[in-house]
Amino acid sequence: MIAAHYEIALPTDYDMTVIHRRIAERGSALDHRAGLGLKAYLVRDVADGSPSNAYAPFYLWTDPRALAAFHWEGQGFGGIVRDFGRPAVRTWVGGRFRRGPAFEDTPLHATTLLVPFAPGTDPADEVPSLDQRAAALSEQAATHSVAWAVDPSRWEAVILRLATTPPSGGDAGTAYRVGHLSAPEMSTL
């Protein structure tokens, strides 16, 4: 599994109906994409109480060739580049994907959390606590699924939680709404 995420920051006065319309019109384009575990079309909207507006898709790829075809071989990413410029795409090597109690429901909310590894530690010593943290999130009643992955260039992990309800005040991370979920190969994650 390879996690990929980019966030397109938008002005606070940006007409977010443009993004919501984009998702409604184009969201299903990857519903059957080979090599894609899932794509969560994530949005931050000041109208929902977010401090900023952003369009921030998050992908879990099952095949690195499919990621390459999408991002730099002309099979999809060009629309983002044309409409918003070329954003930096963060990538992480997959760790684990877990289903939650609300897996059969449609996730409407998401959080991403960056977790730095302690300086100088053996990554093998960091993974058990990371996995336990993700496991605890996956057991929450509203959780659809949780995935974690590691960026070895920064020794930093990301945890993605998809859920049916908004995060509570104590939840760490960046909160988003899920505009659409394409999940053609989620069963293989």
Protein backbone atom coordinates (compact mmCIF):
# COMPACT_ATOMS: atom_id res chain seq x y z
CA MET A 1 0.00 0.00 0.00
CA ILE A 2 1.19 3.49 -0.83
CA ALA A 3 -0.56 6.47 0.71
CA ALA A 4 -0.59 9.73 -1.25
CA HIS A 5 -2.05 13.05 -0.19
CA TYR A 6 -1.99 16.63 -1.40
CA GLU A 7 -3.80 19.67 -0.13
CA ILE A 8 -4.75 22.58 -2.32
CA ALA A 9 -5.14 25.58 -0.03
CA LEU A 10 -7.91 27.92 -1.13
CA PRO A 11 -8.71 31.47 0.03
CA THR A 12 -11.21 31.79 2.87
CA ASP A 13 -13.58 33.63 0.50
CA TYR A 14 -13.26 30.96 -2.22
CA ASP A 15 -16.60 29.74 -3.59
CA MET A 16 -16.46 26.15 -2.29
CA THR A 17 -19.46 25.17 -4.42
CA VAL A 18 -16.85 24.92 -7.20
CA ILE A 19 -15.08 22.13 -5.28
CA HIS A 20 -18.31 20.42 -4.23
CA ARG A 21 -19.52 20.51 -7.85
CA ARG A 22 -16.16 19.15 -9.05
CA ILE A 23 -16.46 16.20 -6.66
CA ALA A 24 -20.10 15.58 -7.61
CA GLU A 25 -19.28 15.62 -11.33
CA ARG A 26 -15.91 13.85 -11.31
CA GLY A 27 -15.84 11.84 -8.09
CA SER A 28 -17.00 8.59 -9.61
CA ALA A 29 -14.25 8.65 -12.27
CA LEU A 30 -12.00 6.48 -10.08
CA ASP A 31 -14.71 4.19 -8.70
CA HIS A 32 -13.35 1.31 -10.81
CA ARG A 33 -9.67 2.30 -11.11
CA ALA A 34 -7.36 -0.72 -11.11
CA GLY A 35 -4.60 -0.45 -8.53
CA LEU A 36 -6.48 2.01 -6.32
CA GLY A 37 -7.54 0.83 -2.88
CA LEU A 38 -9.39 4.05 -2.15
CA LYS A 39 -9.52 7.75 -2.84
CA ALA A 40 -11.20 9.96 -0.27
CA TYR A 41 -12.19 13.31 -1.75
CA LEU A 42 -11.46 15.45 1.31
CA VAL A 43 -12.58 19.04 1.79
CA ARG A 44 -12.03 21.67 4.46
CA ASP A 45 -14.64 24.45 4.29
CA VAL A 46 -14.85 27.56 6.45
CA ALA A 47 -18.63 27.27 6.14
CA ASP A 48 -18.32 24.06 8.23
CA GLY A 49 -16.22 25.81 10.87
CA SER A 50 -12.82 24.92 9.44
CA PRO A 51 -10.14 27.60 9.86
CA SER A 52 -9.38 27.39 6.12
CA ASN A 53 -10.67 26.13 2.79
CA ALA A 54 -8.90 23.29 1.02
CA TYR A 55 -9.36 20.44 -1.43
CA ALA A 56 -7.22 17.56 -0.19
CA PRO A 57 -7.63 14.13 -1.82
CA PHE A 58 -6.13 11.16 0.01
CA TYR A 59 -5.28 7.94 -1.84
CA LEU A 60 -4.35 4.43 -0.77
CA TRP A 61 -2.84 2.72 -3.81
CA THR A 62 -2.48 -1.05 -4.00
CA ASP A 63 -0.19 -0.92 -7.04
CA PRO A 64 2.71 1.53 -7.53
CA ARG A 65 2.29 1.30 -11.32
CA ALA A 66 -1.27 2.61 -10.95
CA LEU A 67 -0.01 5.51 -8.82
CA ALA A 68 2.56 6.34 -11.52
CA ALA A 69 0.01 6.10 -14.32
CA PHE A 70 -2.31 8.47 -12.46
CA HIS A 71 0.21 11.03 -11.24
CA TRP A 72 2.73 11.33 -14.08
CA GLU A 73 1.68 9.23 -17.03
CA GLY A 74 -1.33 11.30 -17.99
CA GLN A 75 -4.11 9.18 -16.54
CA GLY A 76 -5.85 11.62 -14.23
CA PHE A 77 -3.65 14.10 -12.34
CA GLY A 78 -3.50 16.50 -15.28
CA GLY A 79 -6.93 17.88 -14.36
CA ILE A 80 -5.62 19.03 -10.97
CA VAL A 81 -2.49 20.54 -12.54
CA ARG A 82 -4.57 22.35 -15.17
CA ASP A 83 -7.10 23.72 -12.68
CA PHE A 84 -4.95 24.43 -9.59
CA GLY A 85 -1.29 24.09 -10.53
CA ARG A 86 0.94 21.18 -9.54
CA PRO A 87 0.73 20.53 -5.80
CA ALA A 88 3.37 18.62 -3.86
CA VAL A 89 2.12 15.08 -3.29
CA ARG A 90 3.19 13.57 0.02
CA THR A 91 3.68 9.81 -0.10
CA TRP A 92 4.06 7.19 2.59
CA VAL A 93 4.80 3.49 2.43
CA GLY A 94 1.87 1.51 3.73
CA GLY A 95 1.72 0.02 7.14
CA ARG A 96 -1.76 -1.27 7.84
CA PHE A 97 -5.42 -0.79 6.95
CA ARG A 98 -8.16 -1.69 9.43
CA ARG A 99 -11.91 -1.78 9.08
CA GLY A 100 -13.95 -0.14 11.82
CA PRO A 101 -17.39 -0.87 13.26
CA ALA A 102 -19.01 1.50 10.72
CA PHE A 103 -17.28 -0.06 7.70
CA GLU A 104 -20.56 -0.82 5.94
CA ASP A 105 -21.67 2.82 6.26
CA THR A 106 -20.62 5.74 4.08
CA PRO A 107 -17.84 7.77 5.68
CA LEU A 108 -18.68 11.48 5.75
CA HIS A 109 -15.72 12.73 7.79
CA ALA A 110 -11.99 12.16 7.95
CA THR A 111 -8.96 13.13 9.96
CA THR A 112 -5.31 12.97 9.07
CA LEU A 113 -2.67 12.97 11.76
CA LEU A 114 1.07 13.27 11.24
CA VAL A 115 3.11 11.37 13.83
CA PRO A 116 6.86 12.04 13.92
CA PHE A 117 9.15 9.24 15.03
CA ALA A 118 11.33 10.08 18.02
CA PRO A 119 14.79 11.25 16.89
CA GLY A 120 17.38 8.54 16.57
CA THR A 121 15.08 5.63 17.39
CA ASP A 122 14.92 2.40 15.47
CA PRO A 123 11.76 2.57 13.32
CA ALA A 124 10.92 -0.97 14.47
CA ASP A 125 10.58 0.45 17.97
CA GLU A 126 8.13 3.15 16.79
CA VAL A 127 5.74 0.96 14.82
CA PRO A 128 4.07 -0.94 17.70
CA SER A 129 2.81 2.25 19.37
CA LEU A 130 1.77 3.67 15.99
CA ASP A 131 -0.16 0.51 15.21
CA GLN A 132 -1.78 0.52 18.67
CA ARG A 133 -2.85 4.13 18.20
CA ALA A 134 -4.42 3.28 14.85
CA ALA A 135 -6.05 0.17 16.33
CA ALA A 136 -7.65 2.25 19.10
CA LEU A 137 -9.07 4.64 16.48
CA SER A 138 -10.40 1.73 14.45
CA GLU A 139 -12.41 0.52 17.44
CA GLN A 140 -14.39 3.75 17.85
CA ALA A 141 -18.07 3.27 17.00
CA ALA A 142 -18.20 5.81 14.15
CA THR A 143 -15.01 4.59 12.46
CA HIS A 144 -15.32 3.34 8.90
CA SER A 145 -11.62 2.55 8.55
CA VAL A 146 -8.14 3.56 9.62
CA ALA A 147 -4.87 3.35 7.72
CA TRP A 148 -1.35 4.27 8.65
CA ALA A 149 1.80 4.57 6.58
CA VAL A 150 5.37 5.85 6.98
CA ASP A 151 7.45 8.46 5.14
CA PRO A 152 11.01 7.16 5.62
CA SER A 153 12.52 10.37 4.21
CA ARG A 154 11.17 12.25 7.25
CA TRP A 155 10.56 9.31 9.61
CA GLU A 156 7.03 10.48 10.01
CA ALA A 157 3.81 8.49 9.85
CA VAL A 158 0.36 9.52 8.74
CA ILE A 159 -2.84 8.09 10.19
CA LEU A 160 -6.01 8.44 8.13
CA ARG A 161 -9.33 7.85 9.87
CA LEU A 162 -12.58 7.75 7.89
CA ALA A 163 -15.72 8.06 9.99
CA THR A 164 -19.46 8.56 9.85
CA THR A 165 -19.48 11.42 12.39
CA PRO A 166 -17.28 14.50 12.81
CA PRO A 167 -14.26 14.20 15.08
CA SER A 168 -14.82 15.17 18.68
CA GLY A 169 -13.04 18.11 20.26
CA GLY A 170 -10.31 15.88 21.68
CA ASP A 171 -9.44 14.19 18.38
CA ALA A 172 -6.03 15.21 17.09
CA GLY A 173 -5.27 15.89 13.47
CA THR A 174 -6.72 17.82 10.58
CA ALA A 175 -10.46 17.38 10.09
CA TYR A 176 -12.16 17.11 6.71
CA ARG A 177 -15.50 16.28 5.15
CA VAL A 178 -15.54 13.37 2.71
CA GLY A 179 -17.21 14.50 -0.51
CA HIS A 180 -16.97 11.07 -2.14
CA LEU A 181 -15.18 7.79 -1.58
CA SER A 182 -13.91 5.78 -4.52
CA ALA A 183 -12.95 2.34 -3.22
CA PRO A 184 -12.38 -0.05 -6.13
CA GLU A 185 -9.82 -2.27 -4.38
CA MET A 186 -10.41 -1.47 -0.72
CA SER A 187 -10.90 -5.17 0.01
CA THR A 188 -7.24 -5.77 -0.91
CA LEU A 189 -5.78 -3.17 1.45
